[in-house]
N, C-alpha and C. Protein backbone atom coordinates (compact mmCIF):
# COMPACT_ATOMS: atom_id res chain seq x y z
N MET A 1 127.46 31.71 15.61
CA MET A 1 126.95 30.47 16.15
C MET A 1 127.97 29.91 17.15
N HIS A 2 127.47 29.40 18.26
CA HIS A 2 128.32 28.82 19.30
C HIS A 2 129.01 27.58 18.74
N PRO A 3 130.33 27.42 18.97
CA PRO A 3 131.06 26.29 18.39
C PRO A 3 130.58 24.92 18.86
N ASN A 4 129.95 24.85 20.02
CA ASN A 4 129.49 23.56 20.54
C ASN A 4 127.97 23.44 20.49
N ILE A 5 127.36 24.06 19.47
CA ILE A 5 125.90 24.09 19.42
C ILE A 5 125.32 22.68 19.35
N LYS A 6 125.98 21.76 18.67
CA LYS A 6 125.48 20.39 18.59
C LYS A 6 125.51 19.73 19.96
N LEU A 7 126.56 19.96 20.71
CA LEU A 7 126.65 19.40 22.05
C LEU A 7 125.59 20.02 22.95
N GLU A 8 125.36 21.31 22.81
CA GLU A 8 124.32 21.94 23.62
C GLU A 8 122.95 21.35 23.27
N SER A 9 122.71 21.13 22.01
CA SER A 9 121.44 20.56 21.57
C SER A 9 121.25 19.17 22.17
N LEU A 10 122.29 18.37 22.16
CA LEU A 10 122.23 17.04 22.76
C LEU A 10 121.99 17.12 24.26
N THR A 11 122.68 18.03 24.92
CA THR A 11 122.53 18.20 26.36
C THR A 11 121.12 18.67 26.70
N ASN A 12 120.57 19.57 25.92
CA ASN A 12 119.20 20.03 26.15
C ASN A 12 118.21 18.88 26.03
N SER A 13 118.42 18.03 25.03
CA SER A 13 117.54 16.87 24.87
C SER A 13 117.64 15.95 26.08
N LEU A 14 118.85 15.74 26.56
CA LEU A 14 119.06 14.90 27.74
C LEU A 14 118.36 15.49 28.96
N ILE A 15 118.48 16.79 29.15
CA ILE A 15 117.81 17.46 30.27
C ILE A 15 116.30 17.26 30.19
N ILE A 16 115.74 17.41 29.01
CA ILE A 16 114.29 17.24 28.84
C ILE A 16 113.88 15.80 29.10
N TYR A 17 114.67 14.84 28.63
CA TYR A 17 114.33 13.43 28.86
C TYR A 17 114.39 13.08 30.34
N TYR A 18 115.34 13.66 31.07
CA TYR A 18 115.37 13.45 32.52
C TYR A 18 114.06 13.91 33.15
N GLY A 19 113.51 14.99 32.66
CA GLY A 19 112.23 15.48 33.18
C GLY A 19 111.09 14.53 32.90
N LYS A 20 111.11 13.92 31.72
CA LYS A 20 110.04 12.99 31.36
C LYS A 20 110.01 11.77 32.26
N VAL A 21 111.17 11.40 32.80
CA VAL A 21 111.22 10.24 33.71
C VAL A 21 111.35 10.68 35.17
N LYS A 22 111.04 11.96 35.42
CA LYS A 22 110.97 12.52 36.78
C LYS A 22 112.32 12.50 37.51
N MET A 23 113.41 12.64 36.77
CA MET A 23 114.75 12.70 37.36
C MET A 23 115.25 14.14 37.33
N VAL A 24 114.52 15.02 38.00
CA VAL A 24 114.80 16.45 37.95
C VAL A 24 116.17 16.78 38.54
N ASP A 25 116.54 16.14 39.64
CA ASP A 25 117.84 16.42 40.24
C ASP A 25 118.98 16.10 39.27
N ARG A 26 118.83 15.03 38.51
CA ARG A 26 119.85 14.67 37.52
C ARG A 26 119.88 15.71 36.38
N ALA A 27 118.71 16.20 36.00
CA ALA A 27 118.64 17.24 34.96
C ALA A 27 119.35 18.51 35.42
N ILE A 28 119.11 18.88 36.68
CA ILE A 28 119.75 20.08 37.24
C ILE A 28 121.26 19.89 37.28
N LYS A 29 121.71 18.72 37.70
CA LYS A 29 123.15 18.43 37.76
C LYS A 29 123.76 18.51 36.36
N THR A 30 123.08 17.95 35.37
CA THR A 30 123.57 17.99 33.99
C THR A 30 123.69 19.43 33.50
N TYR A 31 122.69 20.25 33.80
CA TYR A 31 122.72 21.66 33.41
C TYR A 31 123.94 22.36 34.03
N HIS A 32 124.18 22.12 35.30
CA HIS A 32 125.30 22.78 35.98
C HIS A 32 126.66 22.25 35.51
N GLN A 33 126.70 21.07 34.92
CA GLN A 33 127.96 20.51 34.43
C GLN A 33 128.28 20.95 33.00
N MET A 34 127.39 21.67 32.36
CA MET A 34 127.62 22.06 30.97
C MET A 34 128.92 22.84 30.80
N ASP A 35 129.20 23.77 31.71
CA ASP A 35 130.45 24.55 31.62
C ASP A 35 131.67 23.65 31.69
N ASP A 36 131.62 22.62 32.54
CA ASP A 36 132.74 21.70 32.69
C ASP A 36 133.05 20.96 31.39
N HIS A 37 132.05 20.83 30.52
CA HIS A 37 132.23 20.11 29.27
C HIS A 37 132.40 21.04 28.08
N GLY A 38 132.64 22.31 28.36
CA GLY A 38 132.94 23.27 27.30
C GLY A 38 131.72 23.82 26.57
N THR A 39 130.54 23.61 27.14
CA THR A 39 129.32 24.14 26.53
C THR A 39 128.57 24.94 27.58
N PRO A 40 128.83 26.24 27.67
CA PRO A 40 128.13 27.04 28.68
C PRO A 40 126.63 27.05 28.44
N GLY A 41 125.89 27.05 29.52
CA GLY A 41 124.43 27.09 29.42
C GLY A 41 123.96 28.39 28.79
N THR A 42 122.93 28.29 27.99
CA THR A 42 122.33 29.45 27.34
C THR A 42 120.88 29.57 27.78
N VAL A 43 120.19 30.56 27.25
CA VAL A 43 118.77 30.71 27.53
C VAL A 43 118.02 29.45 27.10
N THR A 44 118.44 28.85 26.00
CA THR A 44 117.79 27.64 25.50
C THR A 44 117.93 26.49 26.49
N SER A 45 119.12 26.29 27.02
CA SER A 45 119.31 25.20 27.98
C SER A 45 118.61 25.49 29.30
N PHE A 46 118.58 26.76 29.71
CA PHE A 46 117.85 27.12 30.93
C PHE A 46 116.36 26.86 30.75
N ASN A 47 115.83 27.19 29.57
CA ASN A 47 114.42 26.92 29.29
C ASN A 47 114.14 25.42 29.28
N ALA A 48 115.08 24.62 28.78
CA ALA A 48 114.92 23.16 28.82
C ALA A 48 114.82 22.69 30.26
N LEU A 49 115.62 23.27 31.13
CA LEU A 49 115.59 22.92 32.55
C LEU A 49 114.26 23.33 33.19
N LEU A 50 113.77 24.50 32.85
CA LEU A 50 112.47 24.94 33.38
C LEU A 50 111.35 24.02 32.90
N THR A 51 111.42 23.62 31.64
CA THR A 51 110.42 22.69 31.10
C THR A 51 110.46 21.37 31.84
N THR A 52 111.67 20.90 32.14
CA THR A 52 111.83 19.65 32.88
C THR A 52 111.15 19.74 34.24
N CYS A 53 111.38 20.81 34.95
CA CYS A 53 110.76 20.99 36.27
C CYS A 53 109.25 21.05 36.17
N ARG A 54 108.76 21.77 35.17
CA ARG A 54 107.31 21.90 35.00
C ARG A 54 106.68 20.55 34.68
N GLU A 55 107.26 19.82 33.73
CA GLU A 55 106.69 18.53 33.33
C GLU A 55 106.74 17.50 34.45
N ALA A 56 107.73 17.62 35.33
CA ALA A 56 107.84 16.68 36.45
C ALA A 56 107.03 17.13 37.66
N GLY A 57 106.41 18.31 37.57
CA GLY A 57 105.62 18.81 38.69
C GLY A 57 106.45 19.37 39.83
N GLU A 58 107.70 19.69 39.56
CA GLU A 58 108.62 20.23 40.57
C GLU A 58 108.58 21.76 40.53
N PHE A 59 107.44 22.32 40.88
CA PHE A 59 107.24 23.77 40.74
C PHE A 59 108.09 24.57 41.73
N ASN A 60 108.36 24.02 42.90
CA ASN A 60 109.22 24.73 43.86
C ASN A 60 110.63 24.88 43.31
N LYS A 61 111.14 23.84 42.65
CA LYS A 61 112.47 23.92 42.06
C LYS A 61 112.48 24.90 40.90
N LEU A 62 111.40 24.92 40.13
CA LEU A 62 111.29 25.85 39.01
C LEU A 62 111.35 27.28 39.52
N ILE A 63 110.55 27.59 40.52
CA ILE A 63 110.52 28.95 41.09
C ILE A 63 111.88 29.31 41.67
N GLU A 64 112.51 28.37 42.37
CA GLU A 64 113.83 28.62 42.97
C GLU A 64 114.86 28.95 41.89
N MET A 65 114.85 28.22 40.78
CA MET A 65 115.81 28.48 39.71
C MET A 65 115.58 29.84 39.07
N VAL A 66 114.32 30.20 38.86
CA VAL A 66 114.03 31.52 38.27
C VAL A 66 114.49 32.62 39.21
N LYS A 67 114.20 32.49 40.50
CA LYS A 67 114.64 33.50 41.47
C LYS A 67 116.16 33.60 41.50
N ASN A 68 116.86 32.47 41.51
CA ASN A 68 118.33 32.47 41.53
C ASN A 68 118.89 33.13 40.28
N ARG A 69 118.27 32.88 39.16
CA ARG A 69 118.74 33.45 37.91
C ARG A 69 118.73 34.98 37.96
N TYR A 70 117.65 35.55 38.47
CA TYR A 70 117.55 37.00 38.53
C TYR A 70 118.36 37.58 39.68
N ALA A 71 118.56 36.82 40.73
CA ALA A 71 119.41 37.28 41.83
C ALA A 71 120.86 37.40 41.37
N LEU A 72 121.26 36.57 40.41
CA LEU A 72 122.62 36.60 39.88
C LEU A 72 122.77 37.59 38.73
N ASN A 73 121.71 38.36 38.47
CA ASN A 73 121.71 39.37 37.40
C ASN A 73 121.95 38.78 36.02
N MET A 74 121.47 37.58 35.78
CA MET A 74 121.57 37.01 34.44
C MET A 74 120.61 37.78 33.55
N SER A 75 120.98 37.95 32.30
CA SER A 75 120.16 38.77 31.41
C SER A 75 118.89 38.05 30.99
N SER A 76 117.82 38.78 30.99
CA SER A 76 116.53 38.29 30.50
C SER A 76 115.56 39.46 30.56
N SER A 77 114.56 39.40 29.73
CA SER A 77 113.59 40.49 29.71
C SER A 77 112.49 40.23 30.73
N TRP A 78 111.77 41.29 31.08
CA TRP A 78 110.66 41.14 32.02
C TRP A 78 109.58 40.26 31.43
N ALA A 79 109.37 40.35 30.12
CA ALA A 79 108.36 39.51 29.47
C ALA A 79 108.71 38.04 29.65
N LYS A 80 109.98 37.72 29.54
CA LYS A 80 110.43 36.33 29.73
C LYS A 80 110.20 35.90 31.17
N LEU A 81 110.51 36.76 32.12
CA LEU A 81 110.29 36.43 33.53
C LEU A 81 108.81 36.17 33.79
N GLU A 82 107.95 37.02 33.25
CA GLU A 82 106.51 36.82 33.44
C GLU A 82 106.05 35.50 32.84
N ALA A 83 106.61 35.14 31.70
CA ALA A 83 106.25 33.87 31.06
C ALA A 83 106.70 32.70 31.92
N GLU A 84 107.91 32.78 32.47
CA GLU A 84 108.43 31.70 33.32
C GLU A 84 107.58 31.54 34.57
N LEU A 85 107.25 32.64 35.20
CA LEU A 85 106.43 32.58 36.42
C LEU A 85 105.00 32.17 36.10
N GLY A 86 104.54 32.48 34.90
CA GLY A 86 103.21 32.06 34.47
C GLY A 86 103.08 30.55 34.41
N LEU A 87 104.19 29.87 34.11
CA LEU A 87 104.18 28.41 34.11
C LEU A 87 103.85 27.88 35.49
N CYS A 88 104.32 28.57 36.51
CA CYS A 88 104.08 28.14 37.89
C CYS A 88 102.63 28.35 38.29
N LYS A 89 102.08 29.48 37.90
CA LYS A 89 100.71 29.83 38.29
C LYS A 89 99.68 28.93 37.62
N SER A 90 99.96 28.51 36.39
CA SER A 90 98.95 27.76 35.64
C SER A 90 98.85 26.31 36.09
N ASN A 91 99.78 25.86 36.91
CA ASN A 91 99.75 24.46 37.34
C ASN A 91 99.47 24.34 38.78
């Protein structure tokens, strides 16, 4: 278990709440600052960020983040990629 799992959980909640109030840029900034606070982003926090973009209707940002993730060779399965891109198509 990650030593800062509680902090990551709190940060994920914050990211999702930013999405609910349409503050996507702040959610993205918070996600990118996780490393600075000793809690590296995980698949869970990345998914929270994708959910934020989807709920706020920021589909271009969602697609951009997914593309950047795979361009940087971050690990993920093809099934996960299809699910992420499916969020974009359904809205």
